Amino acid sequence: MTSPLSTSHRLQNAVQTLLLLGAMAALAGLLGWTLFGSAGLWAAALGPALAVLGQGGSADMILRLTRAQPLAPQHAQGLYRLVGLLAERAGLPRVPRLYRVPAPALNAFAAGSRADPAIAVTDGLLASLEPRELAGVLAHELSHVRARDVWVMTLAAVVGRVTSLMSFLGQILLFVLIPVSLFTGEGIPLLAVALLVFAPTISALLQLALSRTREYDADIAAVELTGDPRGLASALSKLERQRGGWMQRLFVMRAPNWLMTHPSTHERIRRLMELEREHALA
């Protein structure tokens, strides 16, 4: 189910991804150059370069941290058939390994690379979603695998850590230079000080924006795999309703969207319904 609207959304998301990654890399490079000149610039590029070569790392560590347990094909034949069909439609070279996480929360996540992908779902998700809703969620996670989003977000995380490390070293250097500047009368550039202080925060906000962009793209790609925008929209609505009890929804203040890793559920559903209406008119 590919439409002009979904093509436009995906192009927009691809451009946003490149711009956000470029901004994060430029910020890290500027910080390295400000502190240590060309040596700092090379140092800022080294960590991301290693992440590129490493292709994002293995899924096993993430699965161990979440206490995920392998799902045997004989115990989840329908689930394996569904994932196999979606993986074939997505053109993946390998069907992802399936895991269950013993938790009541409604959640699913992808890990690994296209060559060694894995998808984990919680017991709560399996118990709560209807087949078409589950298909939408699994297609969303498969789309993350196909788009190499695990690798993209790993790269962004490495750039963010490099920026934070540079900022920390720079602030130590700044405390050493302040007494020297008082004795010599030479001022410290305020722009450099502001860069040291605010660079990690700016990098973190860019990383959050990148995560939201990749979520939108995975929603659109999932609809292309299932042809069912309403199935994924229904699953998202159910996940939102069951995210917390009524006490939590009533008394816990919701963070603004720009501080979230995922876009608002309302906006995601709105975009999915736009795709359904376009498909109905076609």
Protein backbone atom coordinates (compact mmCIF):
# COMPACT_ATOMS: atom_id res chain seq x y z
CA MET A 1 0.00 0.00 0.00
CA THR A 2 2.22 2.77 -1.34
CA SER A 3 0.57 6.12 -1.93
CA PRO A 4 1.71 9.63 -2.89
CA LEU A 5 1.06 10.75 0.70
CA SER A 6 3.17 7.95 2.20
CA THR A 7 5.94 8.63 -0.34
CA SER A 8 5.88 12.31 0.61
CA HIS A 9 6.01 11.48 4.33
CA ARG A 10 8.94 9.08 3.84
CA LEU A 11 10.90 11.60 1.78
CA GLN A 12 10.30 14.24 4.43
CA ASN A 13 11.41 11.86 7.18
CA ALA A 14 14.55 10.87 5.25
CA VAL A 15 15.53 14.53 4.84
CA GLN A 16 14.87 15.20 8.52
CA THR A 17 17.00 12.18 9.49
CA LEU A 18 19.97 13.42 7.43
CA LEU A 19 19.62 16.95 8.77
CA LEU A 20 19.39 15.84 12.41
CA LEU A 21 22.33 13.43 12.17
CA GLY A 22 24.32 16.11 10.34
CA ALA A 23 23.51 18.68 13.02
CA MET A 24 24.60 16.29 15.79
CA ALA A 25 27.85 15.50 13.96
CA ALA A 26 28.52 19.19 13.27
CA LEU A 27 27.96 20.06 16.93
CA ALA A 28 30.38 17.36 18.09
CA GLY A 29 32.94 18.44 15.50
CA LEU A 30 32.63 22.12 16.44
CA LEU A 31 33.11 21.27 20.09
CA GLY A 32 36.18 19.16 19.33
CA TRP A 33 37.66 21.88 17.11
CA THR A 34 37.01 24.58 19.73
CA LEU A 35 38.79 22.58 22.42
CA PHE A 36 41.66 20.84 20.68
CA GLY A 37 41.80 22.07 17.09
CA SER A 38 42.15 19.51 14.32
CA ALA A 39 43.04 16.78 16.83
CA GLY A 40 39.71 17.36 18.56
CA LEU A 41 37.90 17.21 15.23
CA TRP A 42 39.45 13.81 14.48
CA ALA A 43 38.63 12.60 17.99
CA ALA A 44 35.00 13.63 17.56
CA ALA A 45 34.83 11.64 14.31
CA LEU A 46 36.48 8.49 15.69
CA GLY A 47 33.62 7.20 17.85
CA PRO A 48 30.92 7.54 15.16
CA ALA A 49 33.30 5.98 12.62
CA LEU A 50 33.69 2.92 14.86
CA ALA A 51 29.89 2.72 15.20
CA VAL A 52 29.55 2.76 11.41
CA LEU A 53 32.08 -0.04 11.05
CA GLY A 54 30.48 -2.03 13.86
CA GLN A 55 27.00 -1.72 12.27
CA GLY A 56 25.31 -0.99 15.59
CA GLY A 57 26.29 -4.01 17.66
CA SER A 58 24.52 -7.21 18.63
CA ALA A 59 20.94 -7.72 19.77
CA ASP A 60 21.90 -10.20 22.49
CA MET A 61 22.87 -7.61 25.10
CA ILE A 62 19.57 -5.73 24.77
CA LEU A 63 17.61 -8.97 24.97
CA ARG A 64 19.46 -10.02 28.11
CA LEU A 65 18.85 -6.67 29.77
CA THR A 66 15.10 -6.98 29.16
CA ARG A 67 15.04 -10.64 30.30
CA ALA A 68 13.63 -11.63 26.91
CA GLN A 69 13.10 -15.35 26.38
CA PRO A 70 13.18 -17.09 22.97
CA LEU A 71 9.80 -18.03 21.53
CA ALA A 72 9.90 -21.56 20.19
CA PRO A 73 8.28 -21.90 16.72
CA GLN A 74 6.19 -24.88 17.86
CA HIS A 75 4.67 -22.75 20.64
CA ALA A 76 3.89 -19.71 18.46
CA GLN A 77 3.26 -21.05 14.97
CA GLY A 78 0.77 -18.34 14.01
CA LEU A 79 3.11 -15.59 15.16
CA TYR A 80 6.02 -17.05 13.21
CA ARG A 81 3.89 -17.37 10.06
CA LEU A 82 2.84 -13.73 10.38
CA VAL A 83 6.38 -12.47 10.94
CA GLY A 84 7.66 -14.63 8.09
CA LEU A 85 5.06 -13.19 5.71
CA LEU A 86 5.82 -9.61 6.75
CA ALA A 87 9.59 -10.20 6.50
CA GLU A 88 9.12 -11.55 2.98
CA ARG A 89 7.09 -8.50 1.98
CA ALA A 90 9.76 -6.26 3.50
CA GLY A 91 12.49 -8.01 1.50
CA LEU A 92 14.52 -8.88 4.58
CA PRO A 93 17.28 -11.43 4.01
CA ARG A 94 16.40 -13.21 7.25
CA VAL A 95 13.25 -13.68 9.32
CA PRO A 96 13.75 -12.06 12.75
CA ARG A 97 14.10 -14.22 15.83
CA LEU A 98 11.12 -13.84 18.15
CA TYR A 99 11.29 -13.30 21.90
CA ARG A 100 8.78 -12.75 24.66
CA VAL A 101 9.36 -10.46 27.61
CA PRO A 102 7.63 -11.56 30.84
CA ALA A 103 6.01 -8.20 31.59
CA PRO A 104 2.38 -7.02 31.72
CA ALA A 105 3.15 -3.71 29.97
CA LEU A 106 2.18 -3.39 26.31
CA ASN A 107 5.45 -3.05 24.43
CA ALA A 108 7.50 -4.39 21.53
CA PHE A 109 10.95 -3.55 20.20
CA ALA A 110 13.39 -4.51 17.47
CA ALA A 111 17.06 -5.23 18.02
CA GLY A 112 20.06 -6.26 15.96
CA SER A 113 20.74 -5.68 12.28
CA ARG A 114 19.22 -6.80 8.99
CA ALA A 115 21.64 -9.73 9.00
CA ASP A 116 20.70 -10.80 12.54
CA PRO A 117 17.37 -9.21 13.53
CA ALA A 118 15.24 -9.89 16.58
CA ILE A 119 11.82 -8.74 17.71
CA ALA A 120 10.63 -8.95 21.31
CA VAL A 121 7.03 -8.61 22.49
CA THR A 122 5.72 -8.51 26.02
CA ASP A 123 3.20 -10.95 27.44
CA GLY A 124 0.86 -8.00 27.95
CA LEU A 125 1.00 -7.11 24.27
CA LEU A 126 0.29 -10.68 23.12
CA ALA A 127 -2.66 -10.94 25.51
CA SER A 128 -4.22 -7.57 24.70
CA LEU A 129 -4.04 -7.05 20.94
CA GLU A 130 -6.31 -8.41 18.24
CA PRO A 131 -4.63 -10.17 15.25
CA ARG A 132 -4.81 -7.13 12.95
CA GLU A 133 -3.45 -4.87 15.71
CA LEU A 134 -0.60 -7.28 16.41
CA ALA A 135 0.18 -7.42 12.69
CA GLY A 136 0.48 -3.62 12.63
CA VAL A 137 2.84 -3.55 15.62
CA LEU A 138 5.03 -6.34 14.22
CA ALA A 139 5.14 -4.63 10.82
CA HIS A 140 6.22 -1.42 12.59
CA GLU A 141 9.11 -3.22 14.29
CA LEU A 142 10.07 -5.02 11.07
CA SER A 143 10.19 -1.62 9.38
CA HIS A 144 12.71 -0.48 11.97
CA VAL A 145 14.86 -3.48 11.01
CA ARG A 146 14.51 -2.85 7.28
CA ALA A 147 15.41 0.84 7.66
CA ARG A 148 18.41 0.02 9.89
CA ASP A 149 16.96 2.27 12.59
CA VAL A 150 18.77 0.36 15.37
CA TRP A 151 22.05 1.26 13.68
CA VAL A 152 20.94 4.88 13.07
CA MET A 153 19.99 5.39 16.71
CA THR A 154 23.20 3.67 17.88
CA LEU A 155 25.19 6.08 15.73
CA ALA A 156 23.26 9.03 17.19
CA ALA A 157 23.86 7.75 20.73
CA VAL A 158 27.61 7.47 20.07
CA VAL A 159 27.72 11.02 18.70
CA GLY A 160 25.81 12.20 21.77
CA ARG A 161 28.24 10.48 24.14
CA VAL A 162 31.22 11.97 22.29
CA THR A 163 29.64 15.42 22.64
CA SER A 164 29.04 14.91 26.37
CA LEU A 165 32.61 13.72 26.89
CA MET A 166 34.03 16.68 24.99
CA SER A 167 31.85 19.04 27.02
CA PHE A 168 33.00 17.46 30.30
CA LEU A 169 36.68 17.75 29.36
CA GLY A 170 36.14 21.30 28.21
CA GLN A 171 34.48 22.33 31.46
CA ILE A 172 37.40 20.88 33.44
CA LEU A 173 39.77 22.85 31.23
CA LEU A 174 37.63 25.94 31.75
CA PHE A 175 37.94 25.74 35.54
CA VAL A 176 41.72 25.54 35.13
CA LEU A 177 41.81 28.54 32.79
CA ILE A 178 39.57 30.85 34.85
CA PRO A 179 42.26 31.61 37.50
CA VAL A 180 44.84 32.08 34.75
CA SER A 181 42.61 34.56 32.92
CA LEU A 182 42.07 36.54 36.14
CA PHE A 183 45.83 36.96 36.62
CA THR A 184 46.66 37.68 32.99
CA GLY A 185 43.60 39.80 32.23
CA GLU A 186 42.79 37.76 29.13
CA GLY A 187 39.08 37.06 28.80
CA ILE A 188 37.48 33.71 28.00
CA PRO A 189 35.22 33.75 24.90
CA LEU A 190 31.60 33.64 26.06
CA LEU A 191 30.51 31.77 22.94
CA ALA A 192 32.96 28.97 23.72
CA VAL A 193 31.67 28.80 27.30
CA ALA A 194 28.06 28.62 26.07
CA LEU A 195 29.01 25.86 23.63
CA LEU A 196 30.62 23.82 26.42
CA VAL A 197 27.61 24.18 28.69
CA PHE A 198 24.75 23.69 26.25
CA ALA A 199 26.17 21.30 23.63
CA PRO A 200 25.14 18.07 25.47
CA THR A 201 21.57 19.33 25.93
CA ILE A 202 21.28 20.40 22.30
CA SER A 203 22.66 17.04 21.16
CA ALA A 204 20.18 15.17 23.37
CA LEU A 205 17.25 17.17 21.97
CA LEU A 206 18.41 16.44 18.42
CA GLN A 207 18.62 12.75 19.29
CA LEU A 208 15.05 12.78 20.61
CA ALA A 209 13.85 14.51 17.45
CA LEU A 210 15.63 11.86 15.37
CA SER A 211 13.91 9.09 17.31
CA ARG A 212 10.49 10.65 16.68
CA THR A 213 11.25 10.97 12.96
CA ARG A 214 12.17 7.29 12.70
CA GLU A 215 8.94 6.33 14.48
CA TYR A 216 6.87 8.20 11.92
CA ASP A 217 8.76 6.50 9.10
CA ALA A 218 8.23 3.05 10.65
CA ASP A 219 4.48 3.73 10.90
CA ILE A 220 4.29 4.55 7.20
CA ALA A 221 6.40 1.54 6.21
CA ALA A 222 4.25 -0.73 8.39
CA VAL A 223 1.13 0.34 6.51
CA GLU A 224 2.87 -0.48 3.24
CA LEU A 225 3.49 -4.01 4.55
CA THR A 226 0.02 -4.68 5.97
CA GLY A 227 -2.21 -2.43 3.86
CA ASP A 228 -4.14 -1.76 7.06
CA PRO A 229 -3.62 1.68 8.62
CA ARG A 230 -6.56 1.20 10.99
CA GLY A 231 -5.03 -1.95 12.49
CA LEU A 232 -1.90 -0.09 13.60
CA ALA A 233 -3.94 2.95 14.66
CA SER A 234 -6.16 0.75 16.83
CA ALA A 235 -3.08 -0.84 18.42
CA LEU A 236 -1.58 2.58 19.16
CA SER A 237 -4.84 3.73 20.71
CA LYS A 238 -4.95 0.64 22.91
CA LEU A 239 -1.32 1.10 23.96
CA GLU A 240 -2.04 4.72 24.87
CA ARG A 241 -5.11 3.82 26.94
CA GLN A 242 -3.28 1.08 28.83
CA ARG A 243 -0.02 2.97 29.30
CA GLY A 244 -0.87 3.66 32.94
CA GLY A 245 -3.72 3.48 35.40
CA TRP A 246 -6.21 6.30 35.81
CA MET A 247 -4.31 7.64 38.84
CA GLN A 248 -1.16 7.97 36.75
CA ARG A 249 -2.99 9.63 33.85
CA LEU A 250 -4.71 12.03 36.25
CA PHE A 251 -1.82 13.15 38.41
CA VAL A 252 1.37 12.61 36.38
CA MET A 253 2.24 15.60 34.21
CA ARG A 254 2.94 14.63 30.63
CA ALA A 255 6.27 15.79 29.22
CA PRO A 256 6.14 18.07 26.17
CA ASN A 257 6.48 16.31 22.83
CA TRP A 258 10.00 17.64 22.19
CA LEU A 259 11.21 15.75 25.29
CA MET A 260 9.74 12.41 24.14
CA THR A 261 11.37 9.58 22.20
CA HIS A 262 8.07 8.88 20.40
CA PRO A 263 5.67 11.31 18.73
CA SER A 264 2.29 11.84 20.35
CA THR A 265 -0.08 8.95 19.77
CA HIS A 266 -2.75 11.38 18.59
CA GLU A 267 -0.49 12.69 15.81
CA ARG A 268 0.57 9.19 14.76
CA ILE A 269 -3.06 8.06 14.51
CA ARG A 270 -3.98 11.21 12.58
CA ARG A 271 -1.32 10.47 9.97
CA LEU A 272 -2.41 6.84 9.71
CA MET A 273 -6.02 7.88 9.14
CA GLU A 274 -4.85 10.25 6.40
CA LEU A 275 -3.28 7.25 4.66
CA GLU A 276 -6.50 5.25 5.00
CA ARG A 277 -8.60 8.05 3.55
CA GLU A 278 -6.23 8.43 0.62
CA HIS A 279 -6.34 4.67 -0.01
CA ALA A 280 -10.16 4.71 0.10
CA LEU A 281 -10.30 7.49 -2.50
CA ALA A 282 -7.81 5.80 -4.83
